[in-house]
């Protein structure tokens, strides 16, 4: 099934795009999507380790299920004051 991964910050800069299409086998979770993304873009490993995850515009965990056409967002850590 096809899932769309939205990238922000350094991840977007490294890949030169803001959305990546990932294929995973159902049933799948956000963690499966992240693992598949790393298979094709290993340079994102350090960024994924600290990223927050959202599935279909809701904050989620790597255990959150995804479905055909889901949107998974990898959100960089936020800092500031």
PDB file of N, CA and C in Angstrom:
ATOM      1  N   UNK A   1       0.847  -1.171   0.000  1.00  0.00           N
ATOM      2  CA  UNK A   1       0.000   0.000   0.000  1.00  0.00           C
ATOM      3  C   UNK A   1       0.890   1.230   0.000  1.00  0.00           C
ATOM      4  N   UNK A   2       0.359   2.308  -0.493  1.00  0.00           N
ATOM      5  CA  UNK A   2       1.112   3.543  -0.643  1.00  0.00           C
ATOM      6  C   UNK A   2       0.794   4.501   0.502  1.00  0.00           C
ATOM      7  N   UNK A   3       1.862   5.051   1.098  1.00  0.00           N
ATOM      8  CA  UNK A   3       1.752   6.019   2.192  1.00  0.00           C
ATOM      9  C   UNK A   3       2.625   7.215   1.816  1.00  0.00           C
ATOM     10  N   UNK A   4       2.194   8.397   2.196  1.00  0.00           N
ATOM     11  CA  UNK A   4       2.940   9.613   1.887  1.00  0.00           C
ATOM     12  C   UNK A   4       3.602  10.147   3.148  1.00  0.00           C
ATOM     13  N   UNK A   5       4.920  10.344   3.086  1.00  0.00           N
ATOM     14  CA  UNK A   5       5.683  10.840   4.231  1.00  0.00           C
ATOM     15  C   UNK A   5       6.022  12.302   3.986  1.00  0.00           C
ATOM     16  N   UNK A   6       5.589  13.149   4.907  1.00  0.00           N
ATOM     17  CA  UNK A   6       5.878  14.584   4.839  1.00  0.00           C
ATOM     18  C   UNK A   6       7.120  14.863   5.675  1.00  0.00           C
ATOM     19  N   UNK A   7       8.073  15.557   5.068  1.00  0.00           N
ATOM     20  CA  UNK A   7       9.351  15.856   5.713  1.00  0.00           C
ATOM     21  C   UNK A   7       9.458  17.347   5.991  1.00  0.00           C
ATOM     22  N   UNK A   8      10.101  17.673   7.094  1.00  0.00           N
ATOM     23  CA  UNK A   8      10.281  19.059   7.494  1.00  0.00           C
ATOM     24  C   UNK A   8      11.728  19.288   7.912  1.00  0.00           C
ATOM     25  N   UNK A   9      12.150  20.544   7.900  1.00  0.00           N
ATOM     26  CA  UNK A   9      13.468  20.914   8.398  1.00  0.00           C
ATOM     27  C   UNK A   9      14.603  20.225   7.657  1.00  0.00           C
ATOM     28  N   UNK A  10      15.557  19.695   8.420  1.00  0.00           N
ATOM     29  CA  UNK A  10      16.757  19.084   7.853  1.00  0.00           C
ATOM     30  C   UNK A  10      16.438  17.878   6.974  1.00  0.00           C
ATOM     31  N   UNK A  11      15.408  17.112   7.323  1.00  0.00           N
ATOM     32  CA  UNK A  11      15.048  15.948   6.501  1.00  0.00           C
ATOM     33  C   UNK A  11      14.617  16.406   5.108  1.00  0.00           C
ATOM     34  N   UNK A  12      13.835  17.447   5.045  1.00  0.00           N
ATOM     35  CA  UNK A  12      13.404  17.985   3.751  1.00  0.00           C
ATOM     36  C   UNK A  12      14.606  18.513   2.970  1.00  0.00           C
ATOM     37  N   UNK A  13      15.516  19.181   3.663  1.00  0.00           N
ATOM     38  CA  UNK A  13      16.705  19.705   2.997  1.00  0.00           C
ATOM     39  C   UNK A  13      17.582  18.583   2.453  1.00  0.00           C
ATOM     40  N   UNK A  14      17.760  17.518   3.217  1.00  0.00           N
ATOM     41  CA  UNK A  14      18.614  16.413   2.772  1.00  0.00           C
ATOM     42  C   UNK A  14      18.065  15.708   1.542  1.00  0.00           C
ATOM     43  N   UNK A  15      16.756  15.544   1.471  1.00  0.00           N
ATOM     44  CA  UNK A  15      16.172  14.849   0.323  1.00  0.00           C
ATOM     45  C   UNK A  15      15.776  15.788  -0.810  1.00  0.00           C
ATOM     46  N   UNK A  16      15.734  17.087  -0.512  1.00  0.00           N
ATOM     47  CA  UNK A  16      15.393  18.054  -1.543  1.00  0.00           C
ATOM     48  C   UNK A  16      13.930  18.029  -1.953  1.00  0.00           C
ATOM     49  N   UNK A  17      13.091  17.495  -1.090  1.00  0.00           N
ATOM     50  CA  UNK A  17      11.645  17.481  -1.340  1.00  0.00           C
ATOM     51  C   UNK A  17      10.898  17.371  -0.026  1.00  0.00           C
ATOM     52  N   UNK A  18       9.634  17.714  -0.057  1.00  0.00           N
ATOM     53  CA  UNK A  18       8.866  17.737   1.184  1.00  0.00           C
ATOM     54  C   UNK A  18       7.967  16.516   1.365  1.00  0.00           C
ATOM     55  N   UNK A  19       7.738  15.747   0.300  1.00  0.00           N
ATOM     56  CA  UNK A  19       6.894  14.558   0.398  1.00  0.00           C
ATOM     57  C   UNK A  19       7.579  13.397  -0.324  1.00  0.00           C
ATOM     58  N   UNK A  20       7.576  12.238   0.335  1.00  0.00           N
ATOM     59  CA  UNK A  20       8.137  11.023  -0.244  1.00  0.00           C
ATOM     60  C   UNK A  20       7.060   9.951  -0.195  1.00  0.00           C
ATOM     61  N   UNK A  21       6.895   9.241  -1.290  1.00  0.00           N
ATOM     62  CA  UNK A  21       5.939   8.145  -1.340  1.00  0.00           C
ATOM     63  C   UNK A  21       6.656   6.857  -0.919  1.00  0.00           C
ATOM     64  N   UNK A  22       6.038   6.111   0.009  1.00  0.00           N
ATOM     65  CA  UNK A  22       6.635   4.878   0.527  1.00  0.00           C
ATOM     66  C   UNK A  22       5.627   3.743   0.354  1.00  0.00           C
ATOM     67  N   UNK A  23       6.119   2.589  -0.050  1.00  0.00           N
ATOM     68  CA  UNK A  23       5.284   1.392  -0.181  1.00  0.00           C
ATOM     69  C   UNK A  23       5.539   0.483   1.018  1.00  0.00           C
ATOM     70  N   UNK A  24       4.475   0.060   1.682  1.00  0.00           N
ATOM     71  CA  UNK A  24       4.562  -0.890   2.794  1.00  0.00           C
ATOM     72  C   UNK A  24       3.475  -1.951   2.608  1.00  0.00           C
ATOM     73  N   UNK A  25       3.708  -3.108   3.211  1.00  0.00           N
ATOM     74  CA  UNK A  25       2.712  -4.178   3.161  1.00  0.00           C
ATOM     75  C   UNK A  25       1.746  -4.044   4.329  1.00  0.00           C
ATOM     76  N   UNK A  26       0.469  -4.180   4.062  1.00  0.00           N
ATOM     77  CA  UNK A  26      -0.508  -4.134   5.158  1.00  0.00           C
ATOM     78  C   UNK A  26      -0.501  -5.449   5.925  1.00  0.00           C
ATOM     79  N   UNK A  27      -0.851  -5.461   7.179  1.00  0.00           N
ATOM     80  CA  UNK A  27      -1.081  -4.276   7.999  1.00  0.00           C
ATOM     81  C   UNK A  27       0.246  -3.607   8.332  1.00  0.00           C
ATOM     82  N   UNK A  28       0.243  -2.303   8.425  1.00  0.00           N
ATOM     83  CA  UNK A  28       1.482  -1.567   8.662  1.00  0.00           C
ATOM     84  C   UNK A  28       1.275  -0.488   9.713  1.00  0.00           C
ATOM     85  N   UNK A  29       2.385  -0.079  10.295  1.00  0.00           N
ATOM     86  CA  UNK A  29       2.387   0.981  11.307  1.00  0.00           C
ATOM     87  C   UNK A  29       3.292   2.121  10.840  1.00  0.00           C
ATOM     88  N   UNK A  30       3.259   3.213  11.570  1.00  0.00           N
ATOM     89  CA  UNK A  30       4.161   4.330  11.275  1.00  0.00           C
ATOM     90  C   UNK A  30       5.611   3.882  11.382  1.00  0.00           C
ATOM     91  N   UNK A  31       5.900   2.956  12.282  1.00  0.00           N
ATOM     92  CA  UNK A  31       7.257   2.418  12.410  1.00  0.00           C
ATOM     93  C   UNK A  31       7.683   1.646  11.171  1.00  0.00           C
ATOM     94  N   UNK A  32       6.761   0.908  10.571  1.00  0.00           N
ATOM     95  CA  UNK A  32       7.058   0.205   9.319  1.00  0.00           C
ATOM     96  C   UNK A  32       7.371   1.199   8.204  1.00  0.00           C
ATOM     97  N   UNK A  33       6.638   2.282   8.178  1.00  0.00           N
ATOM     98  CA  UNK A  33       6.870   3.326   7.178  1.00  0.00           C
ATOM     99  C   UNK A  33       8.258   3.936   7.385  1.00  0.00           C
ATOM    100  N   UNK A  34       8.608   4.250   8.629  1.00  0.00           N
ATOM    101  CA  UNK A  34       9.923   4.821   8.923  1.00  0.00           C
ATOM    102  C   UNK A  34      11.035   3.855   8.527  1.00  0.00           C
ATOM    103  N   UNK A  35      10.857   2.563   8.814  1.00  0.00           N
ATOM    104  CA  UNK A  35      11.868   1.562   8.462  1.00  0.00           C
ATOM    105  C   UNK A  35      12.040   1.482   6.949  1.00  0.00           C
ATOM    106  N   UNK A  36      10.948   1.510   6.210  1.00  0.00           N
ATOM    107  CA  UNK A  36      11.017   1.460   4.753  1.00  0.00           C
ATOM    108  C   UNK A  36      11.678   2.720   4.205  1.00  0.00           C
ATOM    109  N   UNK A  37      11.379   3.849   4.803  1.00  0.00           N
ATOM    110  CA  UNK A  37      12.000   5.100   4.390  1.00  0.00           C
ATOM    111  C   UNK A  37      13.511   5.031   4.568  1.00  0.00           C
ATOM    112  N   UNK A  38      13.947   4.475   5.693  1.00  0.00           N
ATOM    113  CA  UNK A  38      15.383   4.350   5.961  1.00  0.00           C
ATOM    114  C   UNK A  38      16.083   3.404   4.989  1.00  0.00           C
ATOM    115  N   UNK A  39      15.378   2.395   4.504  1.00  0.00           N
ATOM    116  CA  UNK A  39      15.976   1.481   3.529  1.00  0.00           C
ATOM    117  C   UNK A  39      16.401   2.226   2.266  1.00  0.00           C
ATOM    118  N   UNK A  40      15.642   3.225   1.885  1.00  0.00           N
ATOM    119  CA  UNK A  40      15.913   3.962   0.654  1.00  0.00           C
ATOM    120  C   UNK A  40      16.648   5.272   0.893  1.00  0.00           C
ATOM    121  N   UNK A  41      16.632   5.757   2.136  1.00  0.00           N
ATOM    122  CA  UNK A  41      17.258   7.042   2.461  1.00  0.00           C
ATOM    123  C   UNK A  41      17.980   6.920   3.810  1.00  0.00           C
ATOM    124  N   UNK A  42      19.044   6.135   3.830  1.00  0.00           N
ATOM    125  CA  UNK A  42      19.741   5.843   5.095  1.00  0.00           C
ATOM    126  C   UNK A  42      20.306   7.095   5.763  1.00  0.00           C
ATOM    127  N   UNK A  43      20.517   8.152   5.021  1.00  0.00           N
ATOM    128  CA  UNK A  43      21.045   9.380   5.583  1.00  0.00           C
ATOM    129  C   UNK A  43      20.091  10.097   6.523  1.00  0.00           C
ATOM    130  N   UNK A  44      18.876   9.604   6.638  1.00  0.00           N
ATOM    131  CA  UNK A  44      17.898  10.219   7.539  1.00  0.00           C
ATOM    132  C   UNK A  44      17.894   9.596   8.930  1.00  0.00           C
ATOM    133  N   UNK A  45      18.682   8.564   9.141  1.00  0.00           N
ATOM    134  CA  UNK A  45      18.645   7.812  10.401  1.00  0.00           C
ATOM    135  C   UNK A  45      18.760   8.658  11.640  1.00  0.00           C
ATOM    136  N   UNK A  46      19.731   9.569  11.672  1.00  0.00           N
ATOM    137  CA  UNK A  46      19.921  10.398  12.861  1.00  0.00           C
ATOM    138  C   UNK A  46      18.737  11.333  13.081  1.00  0.00           C
ATOM    139  N   UNK A  47      18.120  11.790  12.013  1.00  0.00           N
ATOM    140  CA  UNK A  47      16.976  12.688  12.143  1.00  0.00           C
ATOM    141  C   UNK A  47      15.722  11.939  12.587  1.00  0.00           C
ATOM    142  N   UNK A  48      15.531  10.738  12.086  1.00  0.00           N
ATOM    143  CA  UNK A  48      14.347   9.967  12.465  1.00  0.00           C
ATOM    144  C   UNK A  48      14.384   9.559  13.930  1.00  0.00           C
ATOM    145  N   UNK A  49      15.589   9.407  14.473  1.00  0.00           N
ATOM    146  CA  UNK A  49      15.717   8.998  15.867  1.00  0.00           C
ATOM    147  C   UNK A  49      15.140  10.024  16.834  1.00  0.00           C
ATOM    148  N   UNK A  50      15.092  11.284  16.421  1.00  0.00           N
ATOM    149  CA  UNK A  50      14.598  12.334  17.316  1.00  0.00           C
ATOM    150  C   UNK A  50      13.282  12.960  16.852  1.00  0.00           C
ATOM    151  N   UNK A  51      12.758  12.488  15.746  1.00  0.00           N
ATOM    152  CA  UNK A  51      11.548  13.094  15.181  1.00  0.00           C
ATOM    153  C   UNK A  51      10.292  12.638  15.913  1.00  0.00           C
ATOM    154  N   UNK A  52       9.346  13.541  16.010  1.00  0.00           N
ATOM    155  CA  UNK A  52       7.999  13.178  16.456  1.00  0.00           C
ATOM    156  C   UNK A  52       7.234  12.701  15.222  1.00  0.00           C
ATOM    157  N   UNK A  53       6.172  11.943  15.458  1.00  0.00           N
ATOM    158  CA  UNK A  53       5.425  11.349  14.352  1.00  0.00           C
ATOM    159  C   UNK A  53       3.961  11.779  14.431  1.00  0.00           C
ATOM    160  N   UNK A  54       3.390  12.029  13.271  1.00  0.00           N
ATOM    161  CA  UNK A  54       1.953  12.258  13.171  1.00  0.00           C
ATOM    162  C   UNK A  54       1.424  11.377  12.044  1.00  0.00           C
ATOM    163  N   UNK A  55       0.245  10.832  12.234  1.00  0.00           N
ATOM    164  CA  UNK A  55      -0.417  10.038  11.200  1.00  0.00           C
ATOM    165  C   UNK A  55      -1.769  10.691  10.918  1.00  0.00           C
ATOM    166  N   UNK A  56      -1.967  11.037   9.674  1.00  0.00           N
ATOM    167  CA  UNK A  56      -3.203  11.687   9.248  1.00  0.00           C
ATOM    168  C   UNK A  56      -3.550  12.884  10.129  1.00  0.00           C
ATOM    169  N   UNK A  57      -2.531  13.710  10.366  1.00  0.00           N
ATOM    170  CA  UNK A  57      -2.633  14.998  11.080  1.00  0.00           C
ATOM    171  C   UNK A  57      -2.928  14.887  12.578  1.00  0.00           C
ATOM    172  N   UNK A  58      -2.655  13.717  13.149  1.00  0.00           N
ATOM    173  CA  UNK A  58      -2.797  13.522  14.601  1.00  0.00           C
ATOM    174  C   UNK A  58      -1.471  13.015  15.147  1.00  0.00           C
ATOM    175  N   UNK A  59      -1.011  13.575  16.262  1.00  0.00           N
ATOM    176  CA  UNK A  59       0.207  13.058  16.863  1.00  0.00           C
ATOM    177  C   UNK A  59       0.045  11.575  17.115  1.00  0.00           C
ATOM    178  N   UNK A  60       1.128  10.821  16.916  1.00  0.00           N
ATOM    179  CA  UNK A  60       1.044   9.369  16.962  1.00  0.00           C
ATOM    180  C   UNK A  60       2.345   8.791  17.519  1.00  0.00           C
ATOM    181  N   UNK A  61       2.377   7.473  17.591  1.00  0.00           N
ATOM    182  CA  UNK A  61       3.601   6.741  17.952  1.00  0.00           C
ATOM    183  C   UNK A  61       3.965   5.850  16.778  1.00  0.00           C
ATOM    184  N   UNK A  62       5.102   5.212  16.862  1.00  0.00           N
ATOM    185  CA  UNK A  62       5.521   4.304  15.799  1.00  0.00           C
ATOM    186  C   UNK A  62       4.623   3.076  15.704  1.00  0.00           C
ATOM    187  N   UNK A  63       3.821   2.815  16.743  1.00  0.00           N
ATOM    188  CA  UNK A  63       2.886   1.689  16.736  1.00  0.00           C
ATOM    189  C   UNK A  63       1.535   2.032  16.103  1.00  0.00           C
ATOM    190  N   UNK A  64       1.336   3.281  15.728  1.00  0.00           N
ATOM    191  CA  UNK A  64       0.058   3.704  15.165  1.00  0.00           C
ATOM    192  C   UNK A  64      -0.140   3.092  13.778  1.00  0.00           C
ATOM    193  N   UNK A  65      -1.288   2.469  13.548  1.00  0.00           N
ATOM    194  CA  UNK A  65      -1.556   1.874  12.228  1.00  0.00           C
ATOM    195  C   UNK A  65      -1.673   2.934  11.132  1.00  0.00           C
ATOM    196  N   UNK A  66      -1.271   2.547   9.926  1.00  0.00           N
ATOM    197  CA  UNK A  66      -1.462   3.374   8.741  1.00  0.00           C
ATOM    198  C   UNK A  66      -2.273   2.576   7.727  1.00  0.00           C
ATOM    199  N   UNK A  67      -2.957   3.289   6.853  1.00  0.00           N
ATOM    200  CA  UNK A  67      -3.757   2.657   5.813  1.00  0.00           C
ATOM    201  C   UNK A  67      -3.364   3.234   4.460  1.00  0.00           C
ATOM    202  N   UNK A  68      -3.892   2.658   3.409  1.00  0.00           N
ATOM    203  CA  UNK A  68      -3.626   3.148   2.053  1.00  0.00           C
ATOM    204  C   UNK A  68      -3.893   4.650   1.982  1.00  0.00           C
ATOM    205  N   UNK A  69      -2.877   5.393   1.516  1.00  0.00           N
ATOM    206  CA  UNK A  69      -3.020   6.835   1.363  1.00  0.00           C
ATOM    207  C   UNK A  69      -2.783   7.648   2.624  1.00  0.00           C
ATOM    208  N   UNK A  70      -2.446   6.987   3.731  1.00  0.00           N
ATOM    209  CA  UNK A  70      -2.179   7.735   4.958  1.00  0.00           C
ATOM    210  C   UNK A  70      -1.061   8.745   4.736  1.00  0.00           C
ATOM    211  N   UNK A  71      -1.115   9.807   5.524  1.00  0.00           N
ATOM    212  CA  UNK A  71      -0.052  10.797   5.528  1.00  0.00           C
ATOM    213  C   UNK A  71       0.683  10.694   6.856  1.00  0.00           C
ATOM    214  N   UNK A  72       1.969  10.399   6.775  1.00  0.00           N
ATOM    215  CA  UNK A  72       2.822  10.306   7.948  1.00  0.00           C
ATOM    216  C   UNK A  72       3.746  11.504   7.931  1.00  0.00           C
ATOM    217  N   UNK A  73       3.760  12.275   8.993  1.00  0.00           N
ATOM    218  CA  UNK A  73       4.638  13.438   9.082  1.00  0.00           C
ATOM    219  C   UNK A  73       5.739  13.143  10.091  1.00  0.00           C
ATOM    220  N   UNK A  74       6.967  13.444   9.703  1.00  0.00           N
ATOM    221  CA  UNK A  74       8.111  13.318  10.589  1.00  0.00           C
ATOM    222  C   UNK A  74       8.511  14.730  11.000  1.00  0.00           C
ATOM    223  N   UNK A  75       8.267  15.033  12.261  1.00  0.00           N
ATOM    224  CA  UNK A  75       8.423  16.398  12.773  1.00  0.00           C
ATOM    225  C   UNK A  75       9.708  16.524  13.576  1.00  0.00           C
ATOM    226  N   UNK A  76      10.563  17.470  13.222  1.00  0.00           N
ATOM    227  CA  UNK A  76      11.809  17.645  13.955  1.00  0.00           C
ATOM    228  C   UNK A  76      11.540  18.183  15.359  1.00  0.00           C
ATOM    229  N   UNK A  77      12.501  17.944  16.269  1.00  0.00           N
ATOM    230  CA  UNK A  77      12.331  18.487  17.618  1.00  0.00           C
ATOM    231  C   UNK A  77      12.254  20.014  17.569  1.00  0.00           C
ATOM    232  N   UNK A  78      11.514  20.568  18.502  1.00  0.00           N
ATOM    233  CA  UNK A  78      11.347  22.017  18.582  1.00  0.00           C
ATOM    234  C   UNK A  78      12.094  22.508  19.799  1.00  0.00           C
ATOM    235  N   UNK A  79      12.819  23.604  19.619  1.00  0.00           N
ATOM    236  CA  UNK A  79      13.516  24.195  20.761  1.00  0.00           C
ATOM    237  C   UNK A  79      13.293  25.697  20.733  1.00  0.00           C
ATOM    238  N   UNK A  80      13.646  26.309  21.792  1.00  0.00           N
ATOM    239  CA  UNK A  80      13.485  27.756  21.868  1.00  0.00           C
ATOM    240  C   UNK A  80      12.922  28.149  23.211  1.00  0.00           C
ATOM    241  N   UNK A  81      12.616  29.384  23.337  1.00  0.00           N
ATOM    242  CA  UNK A  81      12.148  29.841  24.617  1.00  0.00           C
ATOM    243  C   UNK A  81      11.082  30.853  24.549  1.00  0.00           C
TER     244      UNK A  81
END
